[in-house]
Amino acid sequence: MGYLFDPVTLHEISKKGVGLPFEGMVSVVSDELSRAYPGHIETTPNWIFSLAGGATGIMTILHASLSEYVIIFGTPVGTEGFSGRYHIDIYDYVMAGEMRTYTEQDVGEAKVSGPGEWQILNRGQVKGFKLPEAVWLLEYGRGPIFTALPMALGDAVFSGMDATTIVRTLWNYGKLATRELFRGKI
């Protein structure tokens, strides 16, 4: 399966948002992504709550296809939770704040990533994570994205019972993924 997005390019673009106020960060990163990947980036933010793995954040979907997604995700107030175990790789590029994680392999040690740094959650791995106040990430997933939807929507379905979040997430993902299919991208 060929991928459109390059993790190193995404890292470089995410660093252009570091140190900017929130609105400027979102605008600069969206615009830079649109220049690097013309026709594949949604540049108008459409913020949707994300309830997954016990964590609550907010996201805007910049790209969605059957094989990749790119979002800006974060929280102004902080959250923590469980990453989930996926059949996809997930790259998190920290643009503001810090992301703290731990794994089953490094139980007694937290990995802390600050602005300009990144972490990868490889398929099959899990992490506990904490995002203190004002953490914003550029997140990139690659692989069979549909396999991540049960985890991505699980808390909204079973604990939050928030039909609006479920519908808005599926609508935005579906709209962008369909647009990519019409362009020949899986």
N, C-alpha and C. Protein backbone atom coordinates (compact mmCIF):
# COMPACT_ATOMS: atom_id res chain seq x y z
N MET A 1 0.85 -1.18 0.00
CA MET A 1 0.00 0.00 0.00
C MET A 1 0.89 1.24 0.00
N GLY A 2 0.71 2.11 -0.97
CA GLY A 2 1.48 3.34 -1.02
C GLY A 2 0.84 4.42 -0.16
N TYR A 3 1.67 5.23 0.44
CA TYR A 3 1.19 6.30 1.29
C TYR A 3 1.55 7.65 0.69
N LEU A 4 0.68 8.61 0.85
CA LEU A 4 0.90 9.96 0.37
C LEU A 4 1.82 10.75 1.29
N PHE A 5 1.61 10.61 2.59
CA PHE A 5 2.29 11.46 3.57
C PHE A 5 3.60 10.85 4.04
N ASP A 6 4.59 11.72 4.21
CA ASP A 6 5.90 11.33 4.71
C ASP A 6 6.03 11.78 6.15
N PRO A 7 6.29 10.87 7.10
CA PRO A 7 6.40 11.25 8.51
C PRO A 7 7.45 12.33 8.79
N VAL A 8 8.55 12.32 8.07
CA VAL A 8 9.60 13.33 8.29
C VAL A 8 9.12 14.70 7.82
N THR A 9 8.45 14.76 6.68
CA THR A 9 7.90 16.02 6.18
C THR A 9 6.86 16.56 7.16
N LEU A 10 6.00 15.69 7.67
CA LEU A 10 5.00 16.11 8.65
C LEU A 10 5.66 16.68 9.90
N HIS A 11 6.75 16.06 10.32
CA HIS A 11 7.48 16.57 11.49
C HIS A 11 8.01 17.98 11.23
N GLU A 12 8.60 18.18 10.07
CA GLU A 12 9.13 19.51 9.73
C GLU A 12 8.02 20.55 9.67
N ILE A 13 6.88 20.18 9.11
CA ILE A 13 5.75 21.11 9.03
C ILE A 13 5.22 21.41 10.43
N SER A 14 5.10 20.39 11.27
CA SER A 14 4.58 20.61 12.63
C SER A 14 5.46 21.58 13.41
N LYS A 15 6.77 21.55 13.18
CA LYS A 15 7.68 22.45 13.89
C LYS A 15 7.45 23.91 13.53
N LYS A 16 6.85 24.17 12.37
CA LYS A 16 6.56 25.56 11.98
C LYS A 16 5.46 26.18 12.84
N GLY A 17 4.68 25.33 13.53
CA GLY A 17 3.64 25.83 14.42
C GLY A 17 4.10 26.05 15.84
N VAL A 18 5.28 25.54 16.19
CA VAL A 18 5.79 25.64 17.55
C VAL A 18 6.00 27.11 17.93
N GLY A 19 5.51 27.47 19.11
CA GLY A 19 5.71 28.82 19.64
C GLY A 19 4.68 29.84 19.18
N LEU A 20 3.80 29.45 18.27
CA LEU A 20 2.78 30.38 17.79
C LEU A 20 1.55 30.31 18.68
N PRO A 21 0.77 31.40 18.74
CA PRO A 21 -0.52 31.32 19.43
C PRO A 21 -1.40 30.28 18.74
N PHE A 22 -2.38 29.76 19.45
CA PHE A 22 -3.21 28.66 18.97
C PHE A 22 -3.71 28.87 17.54
N GLU A 23 -4.41 29.96 17.28
CA GLU A 23 -4.99 30.20 15.95
C GLU A 23 -3.90 30.27 14.87
N GLY A 24 -2.79 30.93 15.18
CA GLY A 24 -1.68 31.02 14.24
C GLY A 24 -1.06 29.66 13.97
N MET A 25 -0.92 28.85 15.02
CA MET A 25 -0.37 27.51 14.88
C MET A 25 -1.23 26.68 13.93
N VAL A 26 -2.55 26.68 14.16
CA VAL A 26 -3.46 25.90 13.32
C VAL A 26 -3.40 26.39 11.88
N SER A 27 -3.40 27.69 11.70
CA SER A 27 -3.39 28.27 10.35
C SER A 27 -2.09 27.95 9.61
N VAL A 28 -0.97 28.17 10.26
CA VAL A 28 0.33 27.93 9.61
C VAL A 28 0.50 26.46 9.24
N VAL A 29 0.17 25.57 10.16
CA VAL A 29 0.35 24.14 9.91
C VAL A 29 -0.59 23.68 8.80
N SER A 30 -1.86 24.11 8.84
CA SER A 30 -2.81 23.74 7.78
C SER A 30 -2.35 24.26 6.42
N ASP A 31 -1.91 25.52 6.38
CA ASP A 31 -1.46 26.10 5.11
C ASP A 31 -0.21 25.40 4.58
N GLU A 32 0.74 25.10 5.46
CA GLU A 32 1.96 24.41 5.03
C GLU A 32 1.66 23.00 4.52
N LEU A 33 0.75 22.31 5.21
CA LEU A 33 0.34 20.98 4.73
C LEU A 33 -0.33 21.07 3.37
N SER A 34 -1.17 22.09 3.19
CA SER A 34 -1.86 22.27 1.92
C SER A 34 -0.88 22.54 0.78
N ARG A 35 0.19 23.27 1.07
CA ARG A 35 1.22 23.52 0.05
C ARG A 35 2.00 22.24 -0.26
N ALA A 36 2.30 21.47 0.78
CA ALA A 36 3.09 20.25 0.59
C ALA A 36 2.28 19.13 -0.07
N TYR A 37 0.97 19.12 0.21
CA TYR A 37 0.10 18.06 -0.30
C TYR A 37 -1.15 18.70 -0.92
N PRO A 38 -0.97 19.41 -2.05
CA PRO A 38 -2.09 20.16 -2.65
C PRO A 38 -3.28 19.26 -2.99
N GLY A 39 -4.47 19.76 -2.62
CA GLY A 39 -5.70 19.06 -2.91
C GLY A 39 -6.06 17.96 -1.93
N HIS A 40 -5.20 17.72 -0.93
CA HIS A 40 -5.43 16.62 0.00
C HIS A 40 -5.66 17.09 1.44
N ILE A 41 -5.67 18.41 1.67
CA ILE A 41 -5.79 18.94 3.03
C ILE A 41 -7.01 19.84 3.14
N GLU A 42 -7.79 19.62 4.18
CA GLU A 42 -8.92 20.49 4.52
C GLU A 42 -8.36 21.62 5.38
N THR A 43 -8.39 22.84 4.88
CA THR A 43 -7.76 23.96 5.60
C THR A 43 -8.71 24.74 6.49
N THR A 44 -10.01 24.48 6.39
CA THR A 44 -10.97 25.16 7.26
C THR A 44 -11.21 24.28 8.49
N PRO A 45 -10.80 24.73 9.67
CA PRO A 45 -10.99 23.89 10.87
C PRO A 45 -12.46 23.61 11.14
N ASN A 46 -12.73 22.39 11.52
CA ASN A 46 -14.06 21.95 11.92
C ASN A 46 -13.86 21.13 13.20
N TRP A 47 -13.89 21.79 14.34
CA TRP A 47 -13.52 21.17 15.61
C TRP A 47 -14.62 20.23 16.09
N ILE A 48 -14.20 19.02 16.48
CA ILE A 48 -15.08 17.96 16.94
C ILE A 48 -14.48 17.37 18.22
N PHE A 49 -15.31 17.13 19.22
CA PHE A 49 -14.81 16.46 20.41
C PHE A 49 -14.37 15.05 20.07
N SER A 50 -13.36 14.57 20.79
CA SER A 50 -12.85 13.21 20.65
C SER A 50 -12.88 12.59 22.03
N LEU A 51 -13.65 11.53 22.18
CA LEU A 51 -13.74 10.79 23.44
C LEU A 51 -13.26 9.38 23.16
N ALA A 52 -12.07 9.05 23.60
CA ALA A 52 -11.49 7.73 23.30
C ALA A 52 -10.51 7.33 24.38
N GLY A 53 -10.58 6.09 24.81
CA GLY A 53 -9.62 5.56 25.77
C GLY A 53 -9.63 6.29 27.10
N GLY A 54 -10.77 6.85 27.48
CA GLY A 54 -10.87 7.58 28.73
C GLY A 54 -10.43 9.03 28.65
N ALA A 55 -9.95 9.46 27.53
CA ALA A 55 -9.45 10.83 27.36
C ALA A 55 -10.46 11.65 26.56
N THR A 56 -10.52 12.92 26.87
CA THR A 56 -11.36 13.85 26.12
C THR A 56 -10.47 14.93 25.54
N GLY A 57 -10.57 15.13 24.25
CA GLY A 57 -9.84 16.19 23.56
C GLY A 57 -10.72 16.74 22.47
N ILE A 58 -10.10 17.53 21.62
CA ILE A 58 -10.83 18.09 20.49
C ILE A 58 -9.93 17.99 19.27
N MET A 59 -10.54 17.78 18.10
CA MET A 59 -9.74 17.58 16.90
C MET A 59 -10.39 18.26 15.71
N THR A 60 -9.57 18.51 14.71
CA THR A 60 -10.06 18.87 13.39
C THR A 60 -9.36 17.94 12.40
N ILE A 61 -10.13 17.38 11.51
CA ILE A 61 -9.60 16.42 10.53
C ILE A 61 -9.10 17.19 9.32
N LEU A 62 -7.80 17.09 9.06
CA LEU A 62 -7.20 17.77 7.91
C LEU A 62 -7.16 16.88 6.68
N HIS A 63 -7.03 15.58 6.88
CA HIS A 63 -7.01 14.62 5.78
C HIS A 63 -7.58 13.31 6.28
N ALA A 64 -8.38 12.67 5.45
CA ALA A 64 -8.88 11.33 5.78
C ALA A 64 -9.00 10.53 4.49
N SER A 65 -8.50 9.32 4.55
CA SER A 65 -8.67 8.36 3.47
C SER A 65 -8.78 6.99 4.12
N LEU A 66 -8.88 5.96 3.30
CA LEU A 66 -8.97 4.61 3.86
C LEU A 66 -7.64 4.16 4.45
N SER A 67 -6.54 4.80 4.04
CA SER A 67 -5.21 4.35 4.47
C SER A 67 -4.43 5.36 5.31
N GLU A 68 -4.92 6.61 5.43
CA GLU A 68 -4.19 7.63 6.19
C GLU A 68 -5.17 8.65 6.77
N TYR A 69 -4.75 9.26 7.87
CA TYR A 69 -5.45 10.44 8.37
C TYR A 69 -4.43 11.41 8.94
N VAL A 70 -4.79 12.69 8.92
CA VAL A 70 -4.00 13.74 9.55
C VAL A 70 -4.98 14.62 10.30
N ILE A 71 -4.72 14.83 11.58
CA ILE A 71 -5.58 15.67 12.40
C ILE A 71 -4.72 16.60 13.25
N ILE A 72 -5.33 17.67 13.72
CA ILE A 72 -4.78 18.43 14.84
C ILE A 72 -5.64 18.04 16.02
N PHE A 73 -4.99 17.60 17.08
CA PHE A 73 -5.68 17.11 18.28
C PHE A 73 -5.06 17.75 19.50
N GLY A 74 -5.88 18.02 20.49
CA GLY A 74 -5.34 18.53 21.73
C GLY A 74 -6.41 18.89 22.73
N THR A 75 -5.97 19.63 23.73
CA THR A 75 -6.86 20.05 24.81
C THR A 75 -6.31 21.31 25.48
N PRO A 76 -7.16 22.27 25.75
CA PRO A 76 -6.70 23.43 26.50
C PRO A 76 -6.65 23.18 28.01
N VAL A 77 -7.33 22.11 28.51
CA VAL A 77 -7.44 21.89 29.95
C VAL A 77 -6.71 20.65 30.45
N GLY A 78 -6.27 19.79 29.56
CA GLY A 78 -5.56 18.57 29.95
C GLY A 78 -6.45 17.35 29.95
N THR A 79 -5.83 16.19 29.75
CA THR A 79 -6.54 14.91 29.77
C THR A 79 -5.52 13.79 29.87
N GLU A 80 -6.00 12.59 30.17
CA GLU A 80 -5.13 11.42 30.12
C GLU A 80 -5.96 10.19 29.83
N GLY A 81 -5.30 9.14 29.33
CA GLY A 81 -6.04 7.95 29.00
C GLY A 81 -5.17 6.85 28.43
N PHE A 82 -5.83 5.94 27.73
CA PHE A 82 -5.25 4.74 27.13
C PHE A 82 -5.21 4.92 25.62
N SER A 83 -4.08 4.62 25.01
CA SER A 83 -3.93 4.84 23.57
C SER A 83 -4.83 3.95 22.73
N GLY A 84 -5.03 2.72 23.17
CA GLY A 84 -5.65 1.72 22.32
C GLY A 84 -4.57 0.94 21.60
N ARG A 85 -4.93 -0.27 21.15
CA ARG A 85 -3.99 -1.13 20.41
C ARG A 85 -4.54 -1.23 18.99
N TYR A 86 -3.79 -0.72 18.04
CA TYR A 86 -4.29 -0.56 16.67
C TYR A 86 -3.55 -1.44 15.67
N HIS A 87 -4.14 -1.52 14.48
CA HIS A 87 -3.51 -2.16 13.32
C HIS A 87 -2.92 -1.09 12.40
N ILE A 88 -2.70 0.09 12.94
CA ILE A 88 -2.11 1.21 12.20
C ILE A 88 -0.97 1.78 13.02
N ASP A 89 -0.11 2.54 12.37
CA ASP A 89 0.94 3.31 13.07
C ASP A 89 0.41 4.72 13.28
N ILE A 90 0.66 5.28 14.46
CA ILE A 90 0.21 6.64 14.76
C ILE A 90 1.41 7.47 15.19
N TYR A 91 1.62 8.57 14.47
CA TYR A 91 2.70 9.51 14.76
C TYR A 91 2.08 10.74 15.43
N ASP A 92 2.64 11.15 16.57
CA ASP A 92 2.19 12.36 17.26
C ASP A 92 3.35 13.35 17.31
N TYR A 93 3.11 14.52 16.70
CA TYR A 93 4.09 15.60 16.65
C TYR A 93 3.62 16.70 17.59
N VAL A 94 4.40 16.98 18.63
CA VAL A 94 4.00 17.96 19.64
C VAL A 94 4.29 19.37 19.12
N MET A 95 3.23 20.18 19.09
CA MET A 95 3.39 21.58 18.65
C MET A 95 3.32 22.54 19.81
N ALA A 96 2.63 22.15 20.90
CA ALA A 96 2.54 22.99 22.10
C ALA A 96 2.36 22.08 23.30
N GLY A 97 2.93 22.46 24.44
CA GLY A 97 2.81 21.66 25.66
C GLY A 97 3.73 20.46 25.63
N GLU A 98 3.36 19.43 26.38
CA GLU A 98 4.16 18.21 26.40
C GLU A 98 3.26 16.99 26.51
N MET A 99 3.70 15.93 25.88
CA MET A 99 3.00 14.66 25.92
C MET A 99 3.83 13.70 26.76
N ARG A 100 3.18 13.10 27.75
CA ARG A 100 3.84 12.14 28.62
C ARG A 100 3.23 10.76 28.35
N THR A 101 4.08 9.76 28.16
CA THR A 101 3.59 8.41 27.87
C THR A 101 4.41 7.38 28.64
N TYR A 102 3.81 6.19 28.78
CA TYR A 102 4.52 5.03 29.31
C TYR A 102 3.97 3.80 28.61
N THR A 103 4.77 2.76 28.57
CA THR A 103 4.38 1.54 27.86
C THR A 103 4.49 0.33 28.79
N GLU A 104 4.04 -0.80 28.31
CA GLU A 104 4.18 -2.05 29.07
C GLU A 104 5.65 -2.43 29.22
N GLN A 105 6.48 -2.00 28.27
CA GLN A 105 7.90 -2.32 28.32
C GLN A 105 8.68 -1.39 29.26
N ASP A 106 8.20 -0.16 29.42
CA ASP A 106 8.87 0.83 30.27
C ASP A 106 7.92 1.30 31.37
N VAL A 107 7.52 0.36 32.22
CA VAL A 107 6.50 0.61 33.23
C VAL A 107 6.87 1.74 34.17
N GLY A 108 8.08 1.78 34.64
CA GLY A 108 8.48 2.76 35.66
C GLY A 108 9.05 4.04 35.10
N GLU A 109 8.97 4.23 33.80
CA GLU A 109 9.62 5.39 33.18
C GLU A 109 8.68 6.10 32.22
N ALA A 110 8.50 7.39 32.44
CA ALA A 110 7.68 8.18 31.53
C ALA A 110 8.56 8.74 30.42
N LYS A 111 8.03 8.73 29.21
CA LYS A 111 8.70 9.39 28.10
C LYS A 111 7.99 10.74 27.92
N VAL A 112 8.76 11.81 27.96
CA VAL A 112 8.19 13.15 27.85
C VAL A 112 8.68 13.78 26.55
N SER A 113 7.72 14.23 25.74
CA SER A 113 8.05 14.89 24.47
C SER A 113 7.47 16.28 24.49
N GLY A 114 8.30 17.27 24.18
CA GLY A 114 7.88 18.66 24.16
C GLY A 114 7.77 19.20 22.75
N PRO A 115 7.51 20.50 22.63
CA PRO A 115 7.34 21.13 21.31
C PRO A 115 8.51 20.82 20.37
N GLY A 116 8.15 20.40 19.15
CA GLY A 116 9.16 20.07 18.15
C GLY A 116 9.58 18.62 18.18
N GLU A 117 9.12 17.86 19.18
CA GLU A 117 9.47 16.45 19.28
C GLU A 117 8.28 15.60 18.86
N TRP A 118 8.53 14.30 18.68
CA TRP A 118 7.45 13.42 18.27
C TRP A 118 7.64 12.03 18.83
N GLN A 119 6.53 11.29 18.83
CA GLN A 119 6.53 9.89 19.25
C GLN A 119 5.73 9.09 18.22
N ILE A 120 6.02 7.81 18.17
CA ILE A 120 5.26 6.92 17.30
C ILE A 120 4.67 5.79 18.16
N LEU A 121 3.42 5.49 17.89
CA LEU A 121 2.76 4.32 18.46
C LEU A 121 2.67 3.31 17.32
N ASN A 122 3.57 2.32 17.36
CA ASN A 122 3.59 1.32 16.30
C ASN A 122 2.40 0.37 16.43
N ARG A 123 1.94 -0.12 15.29
CA ARG A 123 0.81 -1.05 15.31
C ARG A 123 1.09 -2.17 16.29
N GLY A 124 0.05 -2.49 17.07
CA GLY A 124 0.16 -3.55 18.06
C GLY A 124 0.64 -3.09 19.43
N GLN A 125 1.19 -1.88 19.54
CA GLN A 125 1.66 -1.36 20.83
C GLN A 125 0.54 -0.61 21.54
N VAL A 126 0.72 -0.39 22.84
CA VAL A 126 -0.20 0.45 23.61
C VAL A 126 0.60 1.39 24.50
N LYS A 127 -0.03 2.50 24.86
CA LYS A 127 0.58 3.47 25.77
C LYS A 127 -0.48 4.01 26.71
N GLY A 128 -0.04 4.37 27.89
CA GLY A 128 -0.82 5.27 28.72
C GLY A 128 -0.29 6.65 28.40
N PHE A 129 -1.16 7.66 28.39
CA PHE A 129 -0.67 9.00 28.05
C PHE A 129 -1.33 10.05 28.92
N LYS A 130 -0.62 11.15 29.05
CA LYS A 130 -1.14 12.32 29.74
C LYS A 130 -0.77 13.54 28.93
N LEU A 131 -1.78 14.37 28.69
CA LEU A 131 -1.57 15.66 28.04
C LEU A 131 -1.96 16.72 29.06
N PRO A 132 -0.99 17.38 29.69
CA PRO A 132 -1.34 18.45 30.62
C PRO A 132 -2.02 19.60 29.86
N GLU A 133 -2.26 20.69 30.52
CA GLU A 133 -2.95 21.83 29.90
C GLU A 133 -2.24 22.30 28.63
N ALA A 134 -3.06 22.75 27.68
CA ALA A 134 -2.60 23.43 26.46
C ALA A 134 -1.61 22.59 25.64
N VAL A 135 -2.00 21.36 25.36
CA VAL A 135 -1.19 20.47 24.52
C VAL A 135 -1.87 20.34 23.16
N TRP A 136 -1.09 20.55 22.11
CA TRP A 136 -1.62 20.45 20.74
C TRP A 136 -0.67 19.61 19.91
N LEU A 137 -1.24 18.62 19.23
CA LEU A 137 -0.47 17.68 18.43
C LEU A 137 -0.93 17.70 16.98
N LEU A 138 0.00 17.50 16.08
CA LEU A 138 -0.34 17.10 14.72
C LEU A 138 -0.23 15.59 14.77
N GLU A 139 -1.31 14.89 14.41
CA GLU A 139 -1.32 13.43 14.49
C GLU A 139 -1.52 12.85 13.10
N TYR A 140 -0.75 11.81 12.81
CA TYR A 140 -0.81 11.14 11.51
C TYR A 140 -0.96 9.65 11.74
N GLY A 141 -1.98 9.04 11.13
CA GLY A 141 -2.16 7.60 11.18
C GLY A 141 -2.03 7.01 9.80
N ARG A 142 -1.40 5.84 9.72
CA ARG A 142 -1.27 5.14 8.44
C ARG A 142 -1.49 3.64 8.63
N GLY A 143 -2.25 3.10 7.69
CA GLY A 143 -2.64 1.70 7.74
C GLY A 143 -4.13 1.61 7.46
N PRO A 144 -4.77 0.49 7.77
CA PRO A 144 -6.21 0.36 7.54
C PRO A 144 -7.00 1.17 8.58
N ILE A 145 -7.30 2.42 8.26
CA ILE A 145 -7.87 3.37 9.21
C ILE A 145 -9.19 2.89 9.79
N PHE A 146 -10.02 2.23 9.00
CA PHE A 146 -11.32 1.77 9.50
C PHE A 146 -11.17 0.89 10.74
N THR A 147 -10.02 0.20 10.90
CA THR A 147 -9.83 -0.67 12.07
C THR A 147 -9.67 0.13 13.35
N ALA A 148 -9.37 1.43 13.25
CA ALA A 148 -9.20 2.28 14.43
C ALA A 148 -10.51 2.93 14.86
N LEU A 149 -11.53 2.90 14.02
CA LEU A 149 -12.78 3.60 14.34
C LEU A 149 -13.49 3.08 15.59
N PRO A 150 -13.52 1.77 15.87
CA PRO A 150 -14.17 1.35 17.11
C PRO A 150 -13.54 1.98 18.36
N MET A 151 -12.22 2.04 18.43
CA MET A 151 -11.55 2.67 19.57
C MET A 151 -11.79 4.18 19.55
N ALA A 152 -11.70 4.78 18.36
CA ALA A 152 -11.85 6.23 18.24
C ALA A 152 -13.24 6.71 18.66
N LEU A 153 -14.24 5.86 18.49
CA LEU A 153 -15.62 6.24 18.81
C LEU A 153 -16.20 5.53 20.02
N GLY A 154 -15.45 4.59 20.59
CA GLY A 154 -15.96 3.76 21.68
C GLY A 154 -16.51 4.53 22.86
N ASP A 155 -15.76 5.50 23.37
CA ASP A 155 -16.23 6.26 24.53
C ASP A 155 -17.43 7.14 24.19
N ALA A 156 -17.46 7.68 22.98
CA ALA A 156 -18.60 8.50 22.57
C ALA A 156 -19.86 7.64 22.48
N VAL A 157 -19.70 6.37 22.10
CA VAL A 157 -20.85 5.47 21.99
C VAL A 157 -21.28 4.97 23.36
N PHE A 158 -20.34 4.43 24.15
CA PHE A 158 -20.72 3.69 25.35
C PHE A 158 -20.72 4.49 26.64
N SER A 159 -19.86 5.46 26.81
CA SER A 159 -19.88 6.21 28.06
C SER A 159 -20.44 7.62 27.88
N GLY A 160 -20.03 8.31 26.83
CA GLY A 160 -20.55 9.65 26.59
C GLY A 160 -21.94 9.64 25.98
N MET A 161 -22.26 8.55 25.26
CA MET A 161 -23.54 8.42 24.55
C MET A 161 -23.87 9.72 23.81
N ASP A 162 -22.87 10.21 23.08
CA ASP A 162 -22.99 11.50 22.40
C ASP A 162 -23.15 11.27 20.90
N ALA A 163 -24.39 11.18 20.47
CA ALA A 163 -24.68 10.91 19.07
C ALA A 163 -24.14 12.02 18.16
N THR A 164 -24.15 13.25 18.62
CA THR A 164 -23.67 14.36 17.80
C THR A 164 -22.19 14.19 17.47
N THR A 165 -21.37 13.85 18.46
CA THR A 165 -19.94 13.63 18.21
C THR A 165 -19.72 12.45 17.27
N ILE A 166 -20.48 11.39 17.46
CA ILE A 166 -20.34 10.21 16.59
C ILE A 166 -20.68 10.57 15.15
N VAL A 167 -21.82 11.22 14.96
CA VAL A 167 -22.25 11.58 13.61
C VAL A 167 -21.29 12.57 12.97
N ARG A 168 -20.87 13.60 13.72
CA ARG A 168 -19.95 14.59 13.14
C ARG A 168 -18.61 13.96 12.77
N THR A 169 -18.11 13.05 13.60
CA THR A 169 -16.84 12.38 13.31
C THR A 169 -16.97 11.53 12.05
N LEU A 170 -18.00 10.69 12.01
CA LEU A 170 -18.19 9.82 10.84
C LEU A 170 -18.49 10.62 9.58
N TRP A 171 -19.27 11.69 9.71
CA TRP A 171 -19.60 12.53 8.54
C TRP A 171 -18.33 13.16 7.97
N ASN A 172 -17.52 13.78 8.84
CA ASN A 172 -16.31 14.46 8.37
C ASN A 172 -15.29 13.46 7.82
N TYR A 173 -15.09 12.36 8.52
CA TYR A 173 -14.17 11.33 8.02
C TYR A 173 -14.68 10.80 6.68
N GLY A 174 -15.97 10.44 6.63
CA GLY A 174 -16.55 9.87 5.41
C GLY A 174 -16.49 10.82 4.23
N LYS A 175 -16.78 12.10 4.48
CA LYS A 175 -16.75 13.10 3.40
C LYS A 175 -15.35 13.23 2.82
N LEU A 176 -14.35 13.33 3.69
CA LEU A 176 -12.97 13.50 3.21
C LEU A 176 -12.45 12.21 2.57
N ALA A 177 -12.77 11.05 3.15
CA ALA A 177 -12.32 9.78 2.57
C ALA A 177 -12.96 9.55 1.19
N THR A 178 -14.23 9.91 1.06
CA THR A 178 -14.91 9.77 -0.24
C THR A 178 -14.27 10.69 -1.27
N ARG A 179 -13.96 11.92 -0.86
CA ARG A 179 -13.29 12.86 -1.77
C ARG A 179 -11.97 12.27 -2.26
N GLU A 180 -11.22 11.64 -1.36
CA GLU A 180 -9.95 11.02 -1.74
C GLU A 180 -10.17 9.83 -2.67
N LEU A 181 -11.21 9.03 -2.44
CA LEU A 181 -11.51 7.91 -3.32
C LEU A 181 -11.79 8.38 -4.74
N PHE A 182 -12.54 9.48 -4.86
CA PHE A 182 -12.82 10.03 -6.20
C PHE A 182 -11.55 10.54 -6.87
N ARG A 183 -10.53 10.84 -6.11
CA ARG A 183 -9.24 11.27 -6.66
C ARG A 183 -8.32 10.07 -6.90
N GLY A 184 -8.80 8.87 -6.59
CA GLY A 184 -8.01 7.67 -6.83
C GLY A 184 -7.12 7.27 -5.68
N LYS A 185 -7.28 7.90 -4.51
CA LYS A 185 -6.45 7.55 -3.35
C LYS A 185 -7.23 6.65 -2.40
N ILE A 186 -6.62 5.57 -2.06
CA ILE A 186 -7.24 4.65 -1.10
C ILE A 186 -6.92 5.08 0.31
